[in-house]
C-alpha cells in the first residue's frame, strides 16, 4: 500500500526522496509512482504524491572486517 506526501512550495524530487526515505537515490521510484508530474522540476504547494514502499538498505561506512563480514 502506498502512502502520500503533500508537497511544500519549492520541493524537488530529490528533496522529497530525502525527506521520505532519508536518501536521494529513490527519485526514480517516486517519479514512476507519479508519472503525471514526471516533467515537474520544482513543485508548488499542496500537490499530493504517491509514495511507494521501498526496501531501504542501510550502508555502513565501516570496512567489512570491522562489520564482522568475512
Protein backbone atom coordinates (compact mmCIF):
# COMPACT_ATOMS: atom_id res chain seq x y z
CA UNK A 1 0.00 0.00 0.00
CA UNK A 2 1.31 3.42 -0.93
CA UNK A 3 1.47 6.43 1.34
CA UNK A 4 1.06 10.01 0.24
CA UNK A 5 3.14 13.15 0.56
CA UNK A 6 1.81 16.70 0.24
CA UNK A 7 4.39 18.99 -1.31
CA UNK A 8 5.59 22.29 0.07
CA UNK A 9 6.35 25.20 -2.25
CA UNK A 10 9.80 24.64 -3.75
CA UNK A 11 10.04 20.88 -3.17
CA UNK A 12 12.04 18.95 -5.76
CA UNK A 13 12.14 15.20 -6.42
CA UNK A 14 15.45 14.73 -4.63
CA UNK A 15 14.30 16.79 -1.64
CA UNK A 16 11.13 14.69 -1.36
CA UNK A 17 13.12 11.46 -1.63
CA UNK A 18 15.44 12.64 1.15
CA UNK A 19 12.54 13.75 3.38
CA UNK A 20 10.62 10.49 2.91
CA UNK A 21 13.37 7.87 2.67
CA UNK A 22 16.43 9.62 4.11
CA UNK A 23 18.27 9.31 0.78
CA UNK A 24 18.03 10.96 -2.65
CA UNK A 25 18.60 7.71 -4.55
CA UNK A 26 14.88 6.80 -4.66
CA UNK A 27 13.88 9.62 -7.04
CA UNK A 28 13.26 7.14 -9.88
CA UNK A 29 10.75 5.19 -7.78
CA UNK A 30 8.94 8.39 -6.81
CA UNK A 31 8.67 9.53 -10.42
CA UNK A 32 7.45 6.09 -11.58
CA UNK A 33 4.67 6.27 -8.99
CA UNK A 34 3.72 9.82 -10.05
CA UNK A 35 4.01 9.89 -13.84
CA UNK A 36 1.55 12.78 -14.09
CA UNK A 37 4.26 15.00 -12.56
CA UNK A 38 7.33 13.48 -14.26
CA UNK A 39 8.14 16.77 -16.04
CA UNK A 40 7.90 18.82 -12.82
CA UNK A 41 11.18 20.13 -11.52
CA UNK A 42 10.04 22.42 -8.70
CA UNK A 43 6.69 21.67 -7.09
CA UNK A 44 4.08 24.14 -5.99
CA UNK A 45 2.47 23.68 -2.58
CA UNK A 46 -0.23 21.08 -1.87
CA UNK A 47 0.43 18.58 -4.65
CA UNK A 48 -0.44 15.08 -3.43
CA UNK A 49 2.14 12.49 -4.46
CA UNK A 50 2.03 8.74 -4.07
CA UNK A 51 4.96 7.43 -2.02
CA UNK A 52 5.79 3.80 -2.83
CA UNK A 53 7.25 1.47 -0.25
CA UNK A 54 10.88 0.66 -0.91
CA UNK A 55 13.35 -1.60 0.80
CA UNK A 56 15.86 0.75 2.37
CA UNK A 57 19.30 -0.75 2.78
CA UNK A 58 21.42 0.90 5.44
CA UNK A 59 25.02 1.20 4.39
CA UNK A 60 27.76 1.33 6.94
CA UNK A 61 30.84 3.45 6.48
CA UNK A 62 32.91 0.82 8.29
CA UNK A 63 35.06 -1.53 6.24
CA UNK A 64 33.83 -5.16 6.01
CA UNK A 65 36.37 -6.54 8.52
CA UNK A 66 35.12 -4.09 11.18
CA UNK A 67 31.48 -5.00 10.49
CA UNK A 68 32.13 -8.72 11.06
CA UNK A 69 31.76 -9.60 7.38
CA UNK A 70 34.31 -12.10 6.14
